[in-house]
Amino acid sequence: MNHTNNHHRRSIRLKGFDYASPGAYFITLITYRHACLFGEIRDGEMELSTLGLIVKEEWMRSIEIRKEIRLEEDEFVIMPNHIHGIVWLVERNNVADGICPDIEGVKNVLPDFKGARRAPQQSAFHRSPRSLGSFIAGYKASVTSRARKELNIEGIWQRNYYEHILRNEKEHERIYAYIESNPVHWAKDEENIKK
């Protein structure tokens, strides 16, 4: 049996883009096998399970741990089997003293591809500290750790994540509206395996 291709992983990241660059990133994390672990939608409102509450608490706790990110509660939604959120990465020199600008001060760093930084050369398995990937890995690990200890649950997340770089304020407004209305549209959601 040939195992040479079993460990080949295709990246879904934008080739050459530095995901430690300041800016806004719309991310989606999906549960393993699309299992509805985080709660259920009733009358267009999400009712969180105990695991869903952990997912929410750990998301907001991330800003206490990682000073290079900004998260806004209204730019985040938990669905039965996935989450969406906007992650703002800020300039590292803005967080050197533990002081992070408010979200309005960060919005002027929406990346423009003409001026986007190229990623430094690194191995396929190296994750830059203070990058989007580093944040996602830490967040998933903290939820998994608490779920294991408090609920005896394992295997929460699908491998990897989806991201979209927000390029301008119009895109930010469109994604914000999508996040806000996501529970109302659950019946038609592509992640809803029961539709």
Protein backbone atom coordinates (compact mmCIF):
# COMPACT_ATOMS: atom_id res chain seq x y z
CA MET A 1 0.00 0.00 0.00
CA ASN A 2 1.39 3.41 -0.98
CA HIS A 3 1.20 6.02 1.79
CA THR A 4 3.17 8.75 0.05
CA ASN A 5 0.11 10.84 -0.86
CA ASN A 6 -1.77 10.35 2.42
CA HIS A 7 -0.02 13.26 4.11
CA HIS A 8 -0.18 15.74 1.24
CA ARG A 9 -2.25 18.73 2.30
CA ARG A 10 -3.37 21.42 -0.10
CA SER A 11 -3.42 24.91 1.38
CA ILE A 12 -6.56 27.00 0.92
CA ARG A 13 -4.72 30.19 1.89
CA LEU A 14 -3.91 32.93 -0.63
CA LYS A 15 -0.46 32.05 -1.93
CA GLY A 16 2.21 34.52 -0.88
CA PHE A 17 -0.05 36.65 1.34
CA ASP A 18 1.27 37.48 4.82
CA TYR A 19 -1.50 36.44 7.22
CA ALA A 20 0.22 38.39 9.98
CA SER A 21 -0.55 41.59 8.03
CA PRO A 22 -2.79 44.11 9.81
CA GLY A 23 -6.32 43.99 8.48
CA ALA A 24 -9.71 42.37 8.76
CA TYR A 25 -10.33 38.71 8.06
CA PHE A 26 -13.72 36.99 7.84
CA ILE A 27 -13.34 33.44 9.11
CA THR A 28 -15.52 30.34 9.25
CA LEU A 29 -14.81 27.33 11.47
CA ILE A 30 -16.89 24.18 10.96
CA THR A 31 -17.51 21.28 13.33
CA TYR A 32 -16.18 17.83 12.58
CA ARG A 33 -18.53 16.11 10.11
CA HIS A 34 -20.88 19.11 10.38
CA ALA A 35 -22.26 17.84 13.69
CA CYS A 36 -24.70 20.28 15.31
CA LEU A 37 -22.84 20.64 18.61
CA PHE A 38 -23.27 24.31 19.48
CA GLY A 39 -27.05 24.50 19.92
CA GLU A 40 -30.08 24.92 17.70
CA ILE A 41 -32.01 27.61 15.87
CA ARG A 42 -35.53 28.30 17.16
CA ASP A 43 -37.66 31.02 15.62
CA GLY A 44 -34.63 32.59 13.94
CA GLU A 45 -32.63 32.77 17.19
CA MET A 46 -29.64 30.65 18.18
CA GLU A 47 -30.04 28.82 21.50
CA LEU A 48 -26.56 27.83 22.65
CA SER A 49 -25.74 24.43 24.11
CA THR A 50 -23.23 24.21 26.96
CA LEU A 51 -20.52 23.68 24.34
CA GLY A 52 -21.86 26.68 22.41
CA LEU A 53 -21.42 28.81 25.54
CA ILE A 54 -17.79 27.65 25.80
CA VAL A 55 -17.26 28.54 22.12
CA LYS A 56 -18.60 32.06 22.80
CA GLU A 57 -16.63 32.57 26.04
CA GLU A 58 -13.35 31.44 24.49
CA TRP A 59 -13.85 33.71 21.46
CA MET A 60 -14.17 36.81 23.62
CA ARG A 61 -11.47 35.63 26.04
CA SER A 62 -9.06 35.57 23.10
CA ILE A 63 -8.72 39.36 23.21
CA GLU A 64 -7.37 39.11 26.77
CA ILE A 65 -4.73 36.60 25.66
CA ARG A 66 -3.75 37.95 22.23
CA LYS A 67 -3.14 41.68 22.21
CA GLU A 68 -2.50 41.71 18.44
CA ILE A 69 -6.17 41.00 17.66
CA ARG A 70 -9.44 42.84 18.05
CA LEU A 71 -12.79 41.07 18.15
CA GLU A 72 -16.21 42.64 18.35
CA GLU A 73 -19.09 40.65 19.80
CA ASP A 74 -21.48 41.81 17.08
CA GLU A 75 -19.04 40.62 14.37
CA PHE A 76 -19.32 37.01 15.55
CA VAL A 77 -22.09 34.41 15.28
CA ILE A 78 -22.37 30.85 16.51
CA MET A 79 -24.50 28.52 14.41
CA PRO A 80 -25.41 24.90 15.22
CA ASN A 81 -22.37 23.47 13.38
CA HIS A 82 -20.11 26.41 12.54
CA ILE A 83 -19.05 29.87 13.56
CA HIS A 84 -18.39 33.06 11.61
CA GLY A 85 -16.38 36.00 12.83
CA ILE A 86 -14.31 38.96 11.78
CA VAL A 87 -10.79 38.99 13.20
CA TRP A 88 -8.89 42.28 13.14
CA LEU A 89 -5.09 42.03 13.26
CA VAL A 90 -3.45 45.26 14.38
CA GLU A 91 0.07 46.60 13.91
CA ARG A 92 2.39 44.99 16.41
CA ASN A 93 3.86 48.36 17.44
CA ASN A 94 0.33 49.43 18.51
CA VAL A 95 0.24 46.65 21.09
CA ALA A 96 3.77 46.88 22.44
CA ASP A 97 2.59 48.55 25.65
CA GLY A 98 -0.51 46.39 25.93
CA ILE A 99 -2.64 49.20 24.50
CA CYS A 100 -4.75 48.31 21.51
CA PRO A 101 -6.60 50.89 19.40
CA ASP A 102 -10.38 50.73 19.32
CA ILE A 103 -12.03 49.15 16.32
CA GLU A 104 -12.51 52.50 14.54
CA GLY A 105 -8.75 53.03 14.69
CA VAL A 106 -8.19 49.63 13.14
CA LYS A 107 -10.64 49.92 10.24
CA ASN A 108 -8.25 52.03 8.20
CA VAL A 109 -5.98 48.99 7.78
CA LEU A 110 -8.29 47.01 5.50
CA PRO A 111 -5.71 45.47 3.16
CA ASP A 112 -5.34 46.51 -0.44
CA PHE A 113 -3.80 43.78 -2.59
CA LYS A 114 -1.57 46.31 -4.34
CA GLY A 115 0.12 47.03 -1.02
CA ALA A 116 -0.25 43.61 0.61
CA ARG A 117 2.83 42.22 2.29
CA ARG A 118 4.37 39.06 0.94
CA ALA A 119 4.65 36.26 3.45
CA PRO A 120 8.16 35.43 4.65
CA GLN A 121 9.48 32.10 3.33
CA GLN A 122 8.77 29.32 5.81
CA SER A 123 8.24 25.59 5.90
CA ALA A 124 4.82 24.12 5.13
CA PHE A 125 4.25 23.24 8.80
CA HIS A 126 5.47 26.50 10.37
CA ARG A 127 2.83 28.93 11.63
CA SER A 128 3.87 32.55 12.13
CA PRO A 129 3.28 33.83 15.65
CA ARG A 130 0.74 36.66 15.87
CA SER A 131 -0.83 35.57 12.59
CA LEU A 132 -4.38 34.62 11.70
CA GLY A 133 -3.41 30.95 11.62
CA SER A 134 -1.82 31.17 15.05
CA PHE A 135 -4.95 32.78 16.49
CA ILE A 136 -7.24 30.13 14.94
CA ALA A 137 -5.07 27.26 16.21
CA GLY A 138 -5.00 28.72 19.72
CA TYR A 139 -8.74 29.37 19.73
CA LYS A 140 -9.61 25.85 18.54
CA ALA A 141 -7.24 24.36 21.11
CA SER A 142 -8.74 26.36 24.00
CA VAL A 143 -12.31 25.32 23.09
CA THR A 144 -11.23 21.69 22.68
CA SER A 145 -9.37 21.69 25.99
CA ARG A 146 -12.34 23.09 27.93
CA ALA A 147 -14.79 20.75 26.16
CA ARG A 148 -12.63 17.76 27.08
CA LYS A 149 -12.28 18.80 30.73
CA GLU A 150 -15.79 20.10 31.37
CA LEU A 151 -17.99 18.03 29.03
CA ASN A 152 -15.87 15.01 28.11
CA ILE A 153 -16.27 15.91 24.42
CA GLU A 154 -13.56 15.39 21.79
CA GLY A 155 -13.35 15.85 18.04
CA ILE A 156 -15.05 19.23 17.77
CA TRP A 157 -13.46 20.92 14.77
CA GLN A 158 -13.06 20.13 11.10
CA ARG A 159 -9.42 20.49 10.06
CA ASN A 160 -8.45 23.90 8.71
CA TYR A 161 -10.72 26.93 8.33
CA TYR A 162 -12.08 29.26 5.68
CA GLU A 163 -11.07 32.90 5.48
CA HIS A 164 -11.73 35.90 3.32
CA ILE A 165 -9.60 39.05 3.45
CA LEU A 166 -11.84 42.10 3.77
CA ARG A 167 -10.56 44.65 1.26
CA ASN A 168 -12.71 47.70 1.95
CA GLU A 169 -15.50 49.15 4.09
CA LYS A 170 -18.22 48.05 1.64
CA GLU A 171 -17.08 44.43 1.98
CA HIS A 172 -16.98 44.82 5.76
CA GLU A 173 -20.57 46.08 5.79
CA ARG A 174 -21.74 43.19 3.59
CA ILE A 175 -20.06 40.58 5.80
CA TYR A 176 -21.35 42.28 8.97
CA ALA A 177 -24.92 42.05 7.59
CA TYR A 178 -24.35 38.39 6.67
CA ILE A 179 -23.16 37.57 10.20
CA GLU A 180 -26.07 39.42 11.79
CA SER A 181 -28.72 37.67 9.68
CA ASN A 182 -27.16 34.19 9.65
CA PRO A 183 -29.50 32.56 12.23
CA VAL A 184 -32.61 33.80 10.38
CA HIS A 185 -31.39 32.12 7.18
CA TRP A 186 -30.38 28.79 8.76
CA ALA A 187 -32.97 26.81 6.79
CA LYS A 188 -31.14 27.76 3.55
CA ASP A 189 -27.58 27.75 4.96
CA GLU A 190 -25.14 25.62 2.93
CA GLU A 191 -23.72 24.24 6.21
CA ASN A 192 -27.18 23.03 7.28
CA ILE A 193 -27.01 19.33 6.46
CA LYS A 194 -30.67 18.86 7.47
CA LYS A 195 -32.12 21.15 4.78
